[in-house]
Amino acid sequence: MTEIFTGDDKQYVIRPIKGKGQGRDTLTFDVKCQNDAHIALLSSDEITSPMIEIFIGGWGNQKSAIRFNQSRPDKAEEPTPDVVCCEEYHRFWIRFHQNVIQVGREGDADPFLSWENTEEPFNVTHFGFATGWGSVGTWIFDDEEQSSSSSSSSEEEDPEKIRQRGKKPFYRRPGVWLDMKDGKVPMRAVIGGVDTSGEKIYVGRVKKDGTLLPGKIVPSHNCCYVAKGGEEFGSSKYQVLVRNKCCEFIWVPASDGSIPFGALQGGFSTDKESVFIGRVVHDGATSIGLVHPSRGICLCTYGGEEISHNDYEVLVVKTIPL
């Protein structure tokens, strides 16, 4: 998976629609930004008319809209408060079929924005993506890893040579957090150990009461468990950590709140302190939770209760592909 960064300059990064001509009419992506995730649907590899712009989380992350040929009034708009977030990825789909544009969230069959282009129909061959109005973004497109490996030479992937040509390099992160639910985990989900039954458990995290807490996904239980306020909390909706295929994670022993070099931040506590992904073995079972540096402990759950350990292991990145 490749994360692509965009600045707050509203400058579109343009890509071809992969599979166009073979029935491809949907663009699916994850984005993390404070506001204003912009997508342009284009008829060429340039910003020119005709074009359709989709603004997700515009107007201070309060509204989304569809605009045609960079002209107002907008063709469609809907209130979408907090539809994007700078702390976690949100996943969207855009469908363009027979000149009908639809925009929706992952898991929703119905779009929250739609418009039929009867004014100047055109064939969508490229798309652009950008952020702006004080917001920077991180994007993941479903076909970007395939396209980057099949169309980029080793010279193009050299950051220094890209910089000399005045282009922005791509940076690969060791892993990404993907929204999932009901015990589902994707390929390359990070395994944290095994439960008492011998079932594999996975590294996940849950957003709750202003916190973002790492914990364990137990697929057969259809949820992710986290420790919060002295109790175990299970959520059917969660994020799962998925590693980059070129990256390797390892578990490193630590104690008393210490965090090894290369530890992966897993979220934040009520007071916005960074917490890290830890695990312990309790009664023969592995449990995944959060390492709270200022408290000097790893908090996990077991048997419906919160447990704390001074000795634990921390998830650390061993190799990072650049």
Protein backbone atom coordinates (compact mmCIF):
# COMPACT_ATOMS: atom_id res chain seq x y z
CA MET A 1 0.00 0.00 0.00
CA THR A 2 1.24 3.48 -0.88
CA GLU A 3 0.32 6.57 1.07
CA ILE A 4 0.38 9.74 -1.02
CA PHE A 5 0.68 13.13 0.63
CA THR A 6 -0.91 16.34 -0.64
CA GLY A 7 -0.28 19.86 0.61
CA ASP A 8 -2.71 22.67 1.31
CA ASP A 9 -2.10 24.30 -2.08
CA LYS A 10 -5.19 22.86 -3.85
CA GLN A 11 -2.91 21.53 -6.62
CA TYR A 12 -4.30 18.34 -8.14
CA VAL A 13 -2.15 15.23 -8.48
CA ILE A 14 -3.42 13.56 -11.66
CA ARG A 15 -3.62 9.82 -12.33
CA PRO A 16 -5.19 7.69 -15.09
CA ILE A 17 -8.26 5.64 -14.25
CA LYS A 18 -6.87 2.10 -14.11
CA GLY A 19 -9.02 -0.40 -15.98
CA LYS A 20 -11.00 2.26 -17.83
CA GLY A 21 -12.30 0.61 -20.96
CA GLN A 22 -12.71 -2.71 -19.16
CA GLY A 23 -15.80 -1.62 -17.24
CA ARG A 24 -14.04 0.34 -14.48
CA ASP A 25 -16.42 3.07 -13.32
CA THR A 26 -15.71 3.36 -9.60
CA LEU A 27 -12.90 5.05 -7.69
CA THR A 28 -12.34 3.83 -4.11
CA PHE A 29 -9.92 5.48 -1.70
CA ASP A 30 -9.01 6.26 1.91
CA VAL A 31 -8.21 9.81 2.94
CA LYS A 32 -7.04 11.42 6.16
CA CYS A 33 -7.31 15.22 6.37
CA GLN A 34 -8.77 18.01 8.47
CA ASN A 35 -11.11 19.25 5.73
CA ASP A 36 -11.42 19.69 1.96
CA ALA A 37 -10.60 16.39 0.27
CA HIS A 38 -10.97 17.28 -3.41
CA ILE A 39 -11.38 14.86 -6.33
CA ALA A 40 -11.50 15.92 -9.99
CA LEU A 41 -12.92 13.69 -12.74
CA LEU A 42 -11.19 14.52 -16.02
CA SER A 43 -11.23 13.72 -19.73
CA SER A 44 -7.42 14.01 -20.06
CA ASP A 45 -4.26 14.28 -17.96
CA GLU A 46 -4.72 18.03 -17.59
CA ILE A 47 -7.02 20.32 -15.63
CA THR A 48 -9.29 21.49 -18.42
CA SER A 49 -12.97 21.63 -19.29
CA PRO A 50 -15.05 19.58 -19.14
CA MET A 51 -14.32 18.48 -15.59
CA ILE A 52 -16.23 17.56 -12.46
CA GLU A 53 -14.95 18.45 -8.99
CA ILE A 54 -16.08 16.73 -5.81
CA PHE A 55 -15.41 18.49 -2.52
CA ILE A 56 -15.67 16.19 0.51
CA GLY A 57 -15.64 17.94 3.87
CA GLY A 58 -15.47 21.46 2.51
CA TRP A 59 -16.57 24.63 4.26
CA GLY A 60 -14.74 23.73 7.46
CA ASN A 61 -15.63 20.01 7.21
CA GLN A 62 -19.34 20.83 7.30
CA LYS A 63 -20.52 20.34 3.71
CA SER A 64 -19.75 18.37 0.53
CA ALA A 65 -20.51 19.41 -3.04
CA ILE A 66 -20.18 18.63 -6.76
CA ARG A 67 -19.01 21.44 -9.07
CA PHE A 68 -18.89 21.47 -12.89
CA ASN A 69 -16.20 23.26 -14.89
CA GLN A 70 -15.01 25.17 -11.81
CA SER A 71 -18.16 27.29 -11.90
CA ARG A 72 -20.79 28.14 -9.32
CA PRO A 73 -23.48 27.50 -8.30
CA ASP A 74 -22.59 23.94 -7.34
CA LYS A 75 -24.59 21.17 -8.99
CA ALA A 76 -25.20 19.27 -5.75
CA GLU A 77 -24.43 19.85 -2.09
CA GLU A 78 -25.23 18.18 1.21
CA PRO A 79 -24.44 18.86 4.88
CA THR A 80 -21.75 16.35 5.94
CA PRO A 81 -20.42 17.46 9.34
CA ASP A 82 -17.09 15.84 10.29
CA VAL A 83 -17.13 13.58 7.23
CA VAL A 84 -13.30 13.55 7.13
CA CYS A 85 -10.79 13.39 9.98
CA CYS A 86 -7.12 14.29 10.37
CA GLU A 87 -6.50 11.53 12.92
CA GLU A 88 -7.78 8.49 11.03
CA TYR A 89 -8.60 7.31 7.53
CA HIS A 90 -12.13 7.51 6.21
CA ARG A 91 -13.00 5.49 3.11
CA PHE A 92 -15.12 6.73 0.21
CA TRP A 93 -16.28 5.60 -3.22
CA ILE A 94 -17.08 7.65 -6.33
CA ARG A 95 -19.07 6.05 -9.13
CA PHE A 96 -19.28 7.57 -12.62
CA HIS A 97 -21.59 5.61 -14.90
CA GLN A 98 -23.62 6.85 -17.85
CA ASN A 99 -22.87 10.46 -16.83
CA VAL A 100 -24.29 9.98 -13.33
CA ILE A 101 -21.88 10.89 -10.53
CA GLN A 102 -22.42 9.33 -7.11
CA VAL A 103 -20.34 9.78 -3.95
CA GLY A 104 -20.67 7.56 -0.88
CA ARG A 105 -19.00 6.25 2.25
CA GLU A 106 -17.66 2.74 2.71
CA GLY A 107 -20.41 0.48 3.96
CA ASP A 108 -23.19 2.69 2.57
CA ALA A 109 -24.95 1.47 -0.57
CA ASP A 110 -26.65 4.84 -1.08
CA PRO A 111 -24.64 7.93 -2.05
CA PHE A 112 -24.68 11.11 0.01
CA LEU A 113 -24.04 13.15 -3.17
CA SER A 114 -25.23 12.60 -6.73
CA TRP A 115 -25.62 14.54 -9.97
CA GLU A 116 -26.40 13.66 -13.59
CA ASN A 117 -24.26 15.51 -16.12
CA THR A 118 -26.68 16.36 -18.92
CA GLU A 119 -24.92 19.65 -19.72
CA GLU A 120 -21.72 18.36 -21.33
CA PRO A 121 -21.31 14.58 -21.03
CA PHE A 122 -17.75 13.28 -21.35
CA ASN A 123 -15.71 10.12 -20.90
CA VAL A 124 -13.80 10.07 -17.59
CA THR A 125 -10.25 8.84 -18.25
CA HIS A 126 -8.26 10.49 -15.44
CA PHE A 127 -8.77 11.77 -11.92
CA GLY A 128 -7.04 14.30 -9.71
CA PHE A 129 -6.85 14.60 -5.94
CA ALA A 130 -5.87 17.50 -3.71
CA THR A 131 -6.32 19.18 -0.35
CA GLY A 132 -6.50 22.86 0.51
CA TRP A 133 -7.86 25.64 2.68
CA GLY A 134 -5.33 24.95 5.43
CA SER A 135 -5.62 21.17 5.20
CA VAL A 136 -2.97 18.65 4.16
CA GLY A 137 -3.93 15.09 3.31
CA THR A 138 -2.79 11.49 3.14
CA TRP A 139 -4.42 9.25 0.53
CA ILE A 140 -4.53 5.56 -0.30
CA PHE A 141 -6.01 4.42 -3.62
CA ASP A 142 -6.87 0.78 -4.14
CA ASP A 143 -4.85 0.43 -7.35
CA GLU A 144 -1.95 2.77 -6.50
CA GLU A 145 0.41 0.03 -5.34
CA GLN A 146 -0.12 -1.90 -8.56
CA SER A 147 0.17 1.18 -10.75
CA SER A 148 3.29 2.47 -9.01
CA SER A 149 5.08 -0.86 -9.33
CA SER A 150 4.09 -1.41 -12.95
CA SER A 151 4.62 2.11 -14.29
CA SER A 152 7.49 3.54 -12.23
CA SER A 153 11.14 2.91 -12.95
CA SER A 154 13.82 2.74 -10.28
CA GLU A 155 14.96 6.21 -11.31
CA GLU A 156 11.47 7.62 -10.78
CA GLU A 157 11.36 6.10 -7.31
CA ASP A 158 14.64 7.75 -6.27
CA PRO A 159 13.53 10.64 -4.02
CA GLU A 160 16.63 12.75 -4.78
CA LYS A 161 16.16 12.47 -8.54
CA ILE A 162 12.47 13.24 -8.19
CA ARG A 163 13.35 16.31 -6.09
CA GLN A 164 15.82 17.52 -8.72
CA ARG A 165 13.06 17.33 -11.32
CA GLY A 166 10.84 19.43 -9.10
CA LYS A 167 8.35 16.67 -8.38
CA LYS A 168 7.11 15.51 -5.01
CA PRO A 169 8.28 12.01 -4.01
CA PHE A 170 5.98 9.35 -2.64
CA TYR A 171 6.68 8.05 0.86
CA ARG A 172 5.76 4.58 1.95
CA ARG A 173 4.56 4.13 5.51
CA PRO A 174 5.06 0.81 7.31
CA GLY A 175 1.34 0.27 7.71
CA VAL A 176 -2.10 1.80 7.52
CA TRP A 177 -5.25 1.64 9.61
CA LEU A 178 -8.32 0.49 7.70
CA ASP A 179 -11.92 0.75 8.85
CA MET A 180 -13.51 -2.68 9.31
CA LYS A 181 -16.33 -4.24 11.32
CA ASP A 182 -17.90 -7.47 12.57
CA GLY A 183 -14.65 -9.40 13.05
CA LYS A 184 -13.41 -8.95 9.50
CA VAL A 185 -9.71 -8.48 8.79
CA PRO A 186 -8.04 -7.85 5.40
CA MET A 187 -4.91 -9.34 3.88
CA ARG A 188 -1.67 -8.43 5.69
CA ALA A 189 -3.50 -7.56 8.90
CA VAL A 190 -0.93 -7.59 11.72
CA ILE A 191 -1.23 -10.68 13.92
CA GLY A 192 -0.74 -10.05 17.62
CA GLY A 193 -0.82 -13.59 18.96
CA VAL A 194 -3.37 -16.26 19.85
CA ASP A 195 -6.34 -16.37 22.20
CA THR A 196 -6.98 -19.13 24.76
CA SER A 197 -8.76 -21.15 22.06
CA GLY A 198 -5.75 -20.95 19.76
CA GLU A 199 -7.50 -18.46 17.47
CA LYS A 200 -5.33 -15.74 15.94
CA ILE A 201 -5.95 -12.22 17.21
CA TYR A 202 -5.11 -9.04 15.31
CA VAL A 203 -3.97 -5.52 16.12
CA GLY A 204 -6.89 -3.12 16.06
CA ARG A 205 -8.02 0.13 17.61
CA VAL A 206 -11.28 1.80 18.59
CA LYS A 207 -12.35 5.42 18.84
CA LYS A 208 -14.26 6.03 22.07
CA ASP A 209 -15.14 9.10 24.14
CA GLY A 210 -12.46 11.31 22.61
CA THR A 211 -9.75 8.64 22.71
CA LEU A 212 -8.23 6.33 20.13
CA LEU A 213 -7.20 3.08 21.82
CA PRO A 214 -5.32 0.03 20.48
CA GLY A 215 -6.61 -3.41 21.36
CA LYS A 216 -7.25 -6.91 20.06
CA ILE A 217 -9.54 -8.04 17.26
CA VAL A 218 -11.01 -11.49 17.89
CA PRO A 219 -12.66 -12.51 14.60
CA SER A 220 -14.94 -15.16 16.12
CA HIS A 221 -16.26 -12.55 18.58
CA ASN A 222 -16.99 -10.12 15.71
CA CYS A 223 -15.37 -7.22 17.55
CA CYS A 224 -12.27 -5.45 18.83
CA TYR A 225 -11.67 -5.25 22.59
CA VAL A 226 -9.98 -2.27 24.26
CA ALA A 227 -9.31 -1.27 27.87
CA LYS A 228 -11.09 1.90 28.99
CA GLY A 229 -11.82 3.24 32.45
CA GLY A 230 -10.98 0.00 34.25
CA GLU A 231 -13.28 -2.08 32.05
CA GLU A 232 -13.27 -4.08 28.84
CA PHE A 233 -15.09 -2.46 25.93
CA GLY A 234 -15.95 -4.37 22.76
CA SER A 235 -16.82 -2.61 19.50
CA SER A 236 -18.10 -4.16 16.28
CA LYS A 237 -16.60 -1.20 14.39
CA TYR A 238 -12.85 -0.69 14.56
CA GLN A 239 -9.68 -0.11 12.58
CA VAL A 240 -7.25 -2.89 11.81
CA LEU A 241 -3.52 -2.37 11.30
CA VAL A 242 -2.38 -3.57 7.87
CA ARG A 243 1.32 -3.72 7.09
CA ASN A 244 2.98 -2.61 3.90
CA LYS A 245 4.03 -5.75 2.02
CA CYS A 246 7.68 -4.58 2.11
CA CYS A 247 7.65 -3.88 5.83
CA GLU A 248 8.34 -6.05 8.86
CA PHE A 249 7.07 -5.60 12.41
CA ILE A 250 8.56 -7.18 15.52
CA TRP A 251 7.59 -7.27 19.19
CA VAL A 252 10.28 -5.86 21.51
CA PRO A 253 10.31 -6.45 25.31
CA ALA A 254 9.99 -3.34 27.48
CA SER A 255 8.77 -2.34 30.94
CA ASP A 256 7.58 0.48 33.20
CA GLY A 257 6.36 2.75 30.41
CA SER A 258 9.53 2.63 28.31
CA ILE A 259 9.05 2.74 24.53
CA PRO A 260 11.65 1.14 22.19
CA PHE A 261 13.00 3.00 19.18
CA GLY A 262 10.79 2.52 16.14
CA ALA A 263 7.60 1.88 18.12
CA LEU A 264 4.41 2.46 16.19
CA GLN A 265 2.04 4.99 17.73
CA GLY A 266 -1.35 3.38 18.18
CA GLY A 267 -3.55 6.27 19.26
CA PHE A 268 -4.05 8.73 22.09
CA SER A 269 -5.53 8.86 25.57
CA THR A 270 -8.14 11.19 27.07
CA ASP A 271 -5.51 13.88 27.69
CA LYS A 272 -4.18 13.39 24.11
CA GLU A 273 -1.01 11.62 25.25
CA SER A 274 0.33 9.27 22.57
CA VAL A 275 -0.17 5.61 23.40
CA PHE A 276 1.61 2.68 21.79
CA ILE A 277 0.68 -0.86 20.80
CA GLY A 278 1.63 -3.39 23.45
CA ARG A 279 0.89 -6.99 24.30
CA VAL A 280 1.18 -9.29 27.29
CA VAL A 281 0.69 -12.97 28.00
CA HIS A 282 -1.94 -13.51 30.68
CA ASP A 283 -3.07 -16.97 31.83
CA GLY A 284 -1.53 -18.48 28.70
CA ALA A 285 -3.31 -16.16 26.27
CA THR A 286 -1.93 -13.17 24.37
CA SER A 287 -3.76 -9.89 24.83
CA ILE A 288 -3.12 -6.70 22.86
CA GLY A 289 -3.59 -3.27 24.35
CA LEU A 290 -2.04 0.12 24.89
CA VAL A 291 1.21 1.18 26.50
CA HIS A 292 0.66 4.37 28.50
CA PRO A 293 4.16 5.89 28.99
CA SER A 294 3.24 8.36 31.75
CA ARG A 295 1.52 5.64 33.78
CA GLY A 296 4.32 3.12 33.21
CA ILE A 297 2.00 0.23 32.30
CA CYS A 298 0.46 -1.74 29.47
CA LEU A 299 -3.35 -1.91 29.70
CA CYS A 300 -5.06 -4.90 28.08
CA THR A 301 -8.26 -6.86 28.57
CA TYR A 302 -8.88 -10.44 29.61
CA GLY A 303 -12.04 -12.24 30.65
CA GLY A 304 -14.15 -9.10 30.45
CA GLU A 305 -11.85 -7.02 32.66
CA GLU A 306 -9.04 -4.52 32.28
CA ILE A 307 -5.62 -5.84 33.29
CA SER A 308 -2.34 -3.96 33.71
CA HIS A 309 1.24 -5.18 33.40
CA ASN A 310 4.54 -3.46 34.06
CA ASP A 311 6.34 -5.88 31.73
CA TYR A 312 5.13 -6.10 28.13
CA GLU A 313 6.14 -6.15 24.47
CA VAL A 314 5.82 -3.19 22.10
CA LEU A 315 5.11 -3.38 18.36
CA VAL A 316 8.12 -1.93 16.55
CA VAL A 317 8.91 -1.33 12.89
CA LYS A 318 11.98 -3.34 11.89
CA THR A 319 12.21 -2.30 8.24
CA ILE A 320 10.69 0.69 6.45
CA PRO A 321 10.58 0.81 2.63
CA LEU A 322 11.39 4.29 1.34
